[in-house]
Protein backbone atom coordinates (compact mmCIF):
# COMPACT_ATOMS: atom_id res chain seq x y z
CA MET A 1 -2.52 12.64 9.53
CA ARG A 2 0.13 12.76 12.34
CA ARG A 3 3.49 13.78 11.18
CA GLY A 4 5.25 10.57 12.41
CA ASP A 5 2.68 8.48 10.59
CA LEU A 6 3.07 10.39 7.35
CA ALA A 7 6.92 10.10 7.64
CA GLN A 8 6.58 6.36 8.09
CA ARG A 9 4.12 5.75 5.32
CA PHE A 10 6.27 7.64 2.84
CA GLY A 11 9.53 6.24 4.16
CA SER A 12 9.81 3.12 1.88
CA ALA A 13 11.66 4.97 -1.00
CA VAL A 14 12.40 1.75 -3.01
CA SER A 15 8.82 0.88 -3.36
CA TYR A 16 7.84 4.50 -4.05
CA ASP A 17 10.07 4.69 -7.06
CA ALA A 18 8.66 1.43 -8.38
CA TYR A 19 5.06 2.76 -8.29
CA ALA A 20 5.53 6.47 -9.02
CA ARG A 21 4.06 7.45 -12.50
CA VAL A 22 2.45 10.74 -12.07
CA GLN A 23 5.31 12.12 -9.87
CA PRO A 24 7.94 12.23 -12.59
CA HIS A 25 5.43 13.79 -15.01
CA ALA A 26 4.51 16.48 -12.49
CA ALA A 27 8.27 17.15 -11.76
CA ARG A 28 9.00 17.59 -15.46
CA HIS A 29 6.18 19.99 -16.02
CA LEU A 30 6.93 21.90 -12.77
CA THR A 31 10.49 22.34 -13.93
CA SER A 32 9.48 23.81 -17.25
CA LEU A 33 7.34 26.30 -15.51
CA ILE A 34 10.17 27.23 -13.10
CA GLU A 35 12.67 27.53 -16.08
CA ARG A 36 10.27 30.16 -17.69
CA ALA A 37 9.75 32.05 -14.39
CA VAL A 38 13.20 32.38 -12.93
CA ALA A 39 16.57 32.78 -14.72
CA ARG A 40 19.50 32.19 -12.44
CA PRO A 41 18.36 31.59 -8.78
CA ALA A 42 21.24 31.57 -6.26
CA ARG A 43 19.47 29.97 -3.41
CA ILE A 44 16.76 27.20 -3.80
CA LEU A 45 14.59 25.49 -1.15
CA GLU A 46 12.71 22.34 -2.05
CA VAL A 47 10.02 20.88 0.34
CA GLY A 48 9.14 17.30 0.13
CA CYS A 49 11.92 16.26 -2.15
CA GLY A 50 10.92 12.60 -1.94
CA THR A 51 13.38 10.41 -3.89
CA GLY A 52 14.96 13.40 -5.66
CA GLY A 53 13.06 13.58 -8.96
CA LEU A 54 12.64 17.33 -8.83
CA THR A 55 15.95 17.91 -7.10
CA LYS A 56 17.89 16.15 -9.83
CA ARG A 57 16.25 18.34 -12.48
CA LEU A 58 16.95 21.55 -10.42
CA ALA A 59 20.59 20.57 -9.96
CA ALA A 60 21.01 20.03 -13.72
CA LEU A 61 19.06 23.17 -14.72
CA TYR A 62 20.87 25.46 -12.14
CA PRO A 63 24.21 23.94 -11.43
CA GLU A 64 25.64 27.09 -9.74
CA ALA A 65 22.66 27.39 -7.38
CA ALA A 66 22.82 26.20 -3.74
CA VAL A 67 19.92 23.83 -3.21
CA LEU A 68 18.55 22.85 0.11
CA ALA A 69 16.36 19.72 -0.44
CA THR A 70 14.09 18.72 2.44
CA ASP A 71 11.70 16.00 3.37
CA LEU A 72 9.80 14.61 6.37
CA ALA A 73 10.87 10.99 5.74
CA PRO A 74 14.62 10.06 6.42
CA GLY A 75 14.30 7.11 3.85
CA MET A 76 13.40 9.45 1.17
CA LEU A 77 16.36 11.74 1.87
CA GLU A 78 18.74 8.86 1.84
CA ARG A 79 17.35 7.70 -1.53
CA ALA A 80 17.44 11.20 -2.92
CA ALA A 81 21.11 11.77 -1.78
CA THR A 82 22.12 8.68 -3.92
CA GLN A 83 20.30 10.08 -6.91
CA VAL A 84 21.78 13.64 -7.01
CA ALA A 85 25.60 13.89 -7.51
CA SER A 86 26.21 17.63 -6.61
CA ALA A 87 28.21 19.24 -3.95
CA ARG A 88 25.83 22.25 -4.36
CA VAL A 89 22.83 20.16 -3.10
CA GLN A 90 22.32 19.62 0.69
CA PHE A 91 19.72 17.37 2.16
CA MET A 92 17.98 18.05 5.49
CA PRO A 93 14.97 16.56 7.32
CA LEU A 94 12.12 19.07 7.78
CA ASN A 95 8.51 19.18 8.77
CA ALA A 96 7.39 22.14 6.60
CA GLU A 97 4.27 22.51 8.78
CA ASP A 98 6.35 23.18 11.80
CA ALA A 99 6.53 27.05 11.75
CA ALA A 100 9.52 27.19 14.14
CA ALA A 101 11.50 24.63 12.17
CA LEU A 102 10.64 26.37 8.91
CA ALA A 103 11.78 29.68 10.46
CA ARG A 104 15.19 28.13 11.35
CA VAL A 105 15.73 27.38 7.58
CA GLY A 106 16.04 31.08 7.12
CA GLY A 107 14.76 33.10 4.09
CA ASP A 108 15.67 35.26 1.18
CA PHE A 109 15.45 32.30 -1.31
CA ASP A 110 15.22 33.03 -4.99
CA LEU A 111 13.07 29.83 -5.54
CA VAL A 112 10.98 27.91 -3.18
CA CYS A 113 9.42 24.89 -4.71
CA SER A 114 7.60 21.53 -4.01
CA SER A 115 6.17 18.86 -6.24
CA LEU A 116 3.18 16.58 -5.14
CA CYS A 117 3.82 17.22 -1.42
CA ALA A 118 1.42 20.02 -0.40
CA GLN A 119 -1.83 17.86 -0.67
CA TRP A 120 -0.71 16.10 2.49
CA PHE A 121 -0.47 19.39 4.43
CA THR A 122 -2.81 19.59 7.47
CA ASP A 123 -2.70 23.31 7.33
CA ARG A 124 -2.28 23.79 3.59
CA ARG A 125 -3.12 27.56 3.46
CA GLY A 126 -0.98 28.54 6.32
CA THR A 127 1.98 26.40 5.27
CA LEU A 128 1.88 27.63 1.75
CA ARG A 129 1.81 31.30 2.86
CA ARG A 130 4.78 30.61 5.20
CA LEU A 131 6.61 29.03 2.31
CA ALA A 132 5.89 32.09 0.18
CA ALA A 133 7.24 34.36 2.96
CA LEU A 134 10.65 32.69 2.59
CA VAL A 135 11.03 34.00 -1.01
CA ARG A 136 12.85 37.25 -1.48
CA PRO A 137 11.08 40.05 -3.44
CA GLY A 138 11.30 39.23 -7.06
CA GLY A 139 11.74 35.50 -6.42
CA ILE A 140 9.01 32.83 -6.96
CA CYS A 141 7.34 29.99 -5.10
CA ALA A 142 6.38 27.14 -7.28
CA LEU A 143 4.47 23.93 -6.67
CA SER A 144 2.48 20.98 -8.02
CA ILE A 145 -0.41 19.62 -5.98
CA LEU A 146 -3.14 16.92 -6.26
CA CYS A 147 -6.57 18.50 -6.52
CA ASN A 148 -10.18 17.63 -6.40
CA GLY A 149 -11.10 15.42 -9.27
CA THR A 150 -8.26 12.93 -8.59
CA PHE A 151 -9.27 9.26 -8.98
CA PRO A 152 -12.84 9.87 -10.45
CA GLU A 153 -12.99 6.32 -11.81
CA TRP A 154 -12.49 4.82 -8.32
CA ARG A 155 -15.01 7.12 -6.87
CA LEU A 156 -17.51 6.31 -9.63
CA ALA A 157 -16.97 2.60 -9.05
CA HIS A 158 -17.86 2.93 -5.31
CA GLU A 159 -20.88 5.16 -6.12
CA ALA A 160 -22.20 2.63 -8.68
CA CYS A 161 -22.06 0.00 -5.79
CA GLY A 162 -23.75 2.37 -3.24
CA VAL A 163 -20.81 2.97 -1.02
CA THR A 164 -18.26 5.72 -0.33
CA PRO A 165 -14.46 5.43 -1.22
CA ALA A 166 -11.73 5.77 1.41
CA THR A 167 -9.53 8.03 -0.78
CA PRO A 168 -8.86 11.35 0.55
CA THR A 169 -10.51 14.61 -0.60
CA PHE A 170 -8.23 17.05 -2.23
CA ALA A 171 -8.40 20.79 -2.50
CA ASP A 172 -10.67 22.56 -4.82
CA GLU A 173 -8.98 24.76 -7.58
CA GLU A 174 -10.63 27.91 -6.30
CA ASP A 175 -9.35 27.13 -2.75
CA LEU A 176 -5.81 26.86 -4.09
CA ARG A 177 -6.25 30.21 -5.77
CA ALA A 178 -7.33 31.84 -2.55
CA ASP A 179 -4.36 30.28 -0.56
CA TRP A 180 -1.81 32.58 -2.14
CA ALA A 181 -4.19 35.58 -2.70
CA ALA A 182 -2.39 37.78 -0.03
CA SER A 183 1.21 36.53 -0.83
CA GLY A 184 1.91 37.95 -4.25
CA THR A 185 0.84 37.40 -7.89
CA ALA A 186 -0.01 33.75 -8.61
CA ARG A 187 -0.75 32.00 -11.83
CA TRP A 188 -2.41 28.54 -11.66
CA SER A 189 -2.90 25.99 -14.41
CA PHE A 190 -4.50 22.55 -14.08
CA GLU A 191 -4.35 19.32 -16.04
CA SER A 192 -5.73 15.80 -15.96
CA TYR A 193 -3.16 12.97 -16.09
CA THR A 194 -4.56 9.50 -16.81
CA GLU A 195 -2.53 6.27 -16.47
CA PRO A 196 -3.65 2.72 -17.09
CA THR A 197 -3.74 0.40 -14.17
CA GLN A 198 -5.44 -2.55 -15.80
CA THR A 199 -6.72 -4.04 -12.57
CA ALA A 200 -8.15 -2.74 -9.36
CA LEU A 201 -5.73 -4.72 -7.41
CA ALA A 202 -2.84 -2.95 -9.35
CA PHE A 203 -4.34 0.40 -8.49
CA MET A 204 -4.61 -0.36 -4.81
CA ARG A 205 -1.15 -1.82 -4.82
CA GLY A 206 0.17 1.39 -6.34
CA LEU A 207 -1.50 3.45 -3.76
CA ARG A 208 0.06 1.34 -0.92
CA GLY A 209 3.47 1.50 -2.69
CA LEU A 210 3.37 5.24 -2.71
CA GLY A 211 2.20 5.37 1.00
CA ALA A 212 -0.90 7.10 -0.14
CA ASP A 213 -3.34 4.39 0.95
CA ARG A 214 -4.36 5.65 4.32
CA PRO A 215 -8.21 5.98 4.45
CA ARG A 216 -9.70 9.40 5.02
CA PRO A 217 -10.80 10.16 8.66
CA GLY A 218 -14.01 8.33 9.74
CA HIS A 219 -14.14 5.91 6.91
CA ARG A 220 -15.28 2.41 7.68
CA PRO A 221 -13.68 -0.39 5.73
CA LEU A 222 -15.85 -2.15 3.30
CA SER A 223 -16.56 -5.87 3.56
CA ALA A 224 -14.71 -8.23 1.23
CA GLY A 225 -17.80 -8.84 -0.74
CA ARG A 226 -18.57 -5.10 -1.37
CA MET A 227 -14.92 -4.39 -2.26
CA ARG A 228 -14.87 -7.19 -4.82
CA ARG A 229 -17.92 -5.60 -6.41
CA VAL A 230 -16.22 -2.11 -6.38
CA MET A 231 -13.02 -3.61 -8.00
CA THR A 232 -15.18 -5.48 -10.69
CA ARG A 233 -16.93 -2.27 -11.57
CA PHE A 234 -13.60 -0.31 -11.66
CA GLU A 235 -12.17 -2.75 -14.13
CA ARG A 236 -15.36 -2.84 -16.24
CA GLN A 237 -15.07 1.06 -16.55
CA GLY A 238 -11.64 0.71 -18.27
CA GLY A 239 -9.15 0.24 -15.33
CA THR A 240 -7.59 3.72 -15.59
CA ALA A 241 -6.76 6.21 -12.86
CA THR A 242 -6.87 9.92 -13.41
CA TYR A 243 -4.86 12.45 -11.40
CA ARG A 244 -5.96 16.09 -11.37
CA VAL A 245 -2.82 18.21 -10.85
CA GLY A 246 -2.52 21.84 -10.17
CA TYR A 247 0.52 24.00 -10.91
CA GLY A 248 0.98 27.25 -9.09
CA VAL A 249 3.69 29.89 -9.67
CA LEU A 250 3.71 32.82 -7.22
CA LEU A 251 5.76 35.95 -7.96
CA ARG A 252 6.73 37.72 -4.70
């Protein structure tokens, strides 16, 4: 996905907060992992801060730390700035996949973190390794990311109707472990988070509200009739949506 397109799709911060469910859950769990891994970080970099869910938790957990919260979408940064009342937190637009821009941020951070952003990276492995390189020796890089196995109910409903879903393909767990193999000592854990959606239309509206409804490359839209059959099948299966979330903590 082009960076400008991605920024635009994730720029509607108000609708994002209205539909976000797994995001607060992942931010809470990632915060607990960070708290166990690092005691008193002086400098923190957050990538893809969104509307400030993780940022707010970091500011409360480490009130003396200098936090640089970044995001690709200006609308997200504006919303996050209204959610976090701390002079120690700064907000800055940043494309984390732009190596030159990332280099200008500097380095020697005690903590570099990101919650449910890295699944949208075009060059995930390269970007994660560049982020790890910004951490000082003894510091940590921590993230949550959507993995392969996300939305199995939606995929099964399509397969039962003989068609292929438009939802993107996320990283395999073994691929994620390999991403940081050369960057330090990484610990990964994985969980499945299921939320009720009740109707297929509500599920699709949720994806749209989160800016995550862009079809994968090469997908041809289904006809209205086929889509209705998929939606009916999805609801008969129970109308739930499962997210497969990975949590990685890298010690430099």
